[in-house]
Each structure stands twice: as structure tokens, then as C-alpha cells.
Amino acid sequence: MDHDLRLIWLHNFVGDAFRGATWVSLHNGGGVGWGEVINGGFGLVLDGTEDASRRLKMMLFWDVNNGIARRAWGRNTNALSTLHRTMQKYPSLQVTLPNFVDENLLNDLF
């Protein structure tokens, strides 16, 4: 498994924990290449309280945008445009955007 992807799972795991998840998990995926897959997840008890609602909003905002950022870093143009729009709508969301190199510049190196 790619080292960067492992760090993203860990990033999600910690972020969900700090935003109030009832439980979080980070574990070997098993079955699909033992030692090569890391899975993570969270659970949140939704009991109708204002606190549960607050935690749900924080966690989903974090979790979803972290996934979009990962796809944007992989050069997915739809994810990039989604991040741009979301950061305009929510100024508190700050995502480091990828810098793309001119393909001609790369081709000239070889």
C-alpha cells in the first residue's frame, strides 16, 4: 500500500477522534493482501441531542472534505473544482492544493 495513503487514513482516524466520534477504528484490512491494506472508520451515536448534531456536522465536514482533498491531490479535476467552491463557501476550510507542473517542462528533462 502506498505510504501516503496510510498517512491519510491515519489523518482521518485522528481527525474523527478529535471531532467527537463515539468510536474510531484503524485496522488491517485483512483478506485482500494481509499487511497491505489499512481500513478505518468511525461511529457516532445520534441520540437527538444538540451535542450529537454538532459533532455530526464537524465529523462529516472533516471526513468528506478530507476524501475530496485526497482525490484533488491525485489530479482529479472534479475534486479540485469542488474544493475551490467549498473553500469559497466555508473560509475556515483550508486545504493545501496541488501545484501542477507543465508537462512540456517534464518532457524536456528527458
Foldseek 3Di string as FASTA:
>chain_A
DDPVVLVLQVVLQVQLVVLDFPDKDWAAPPPPDGPPGIDMDTHADCPPDPSSVSSVVSSVVVNVLSVLLVVQQVVDVVSVVVVVVVCVVPVVDDHDGDDDDDVVVVVVVD
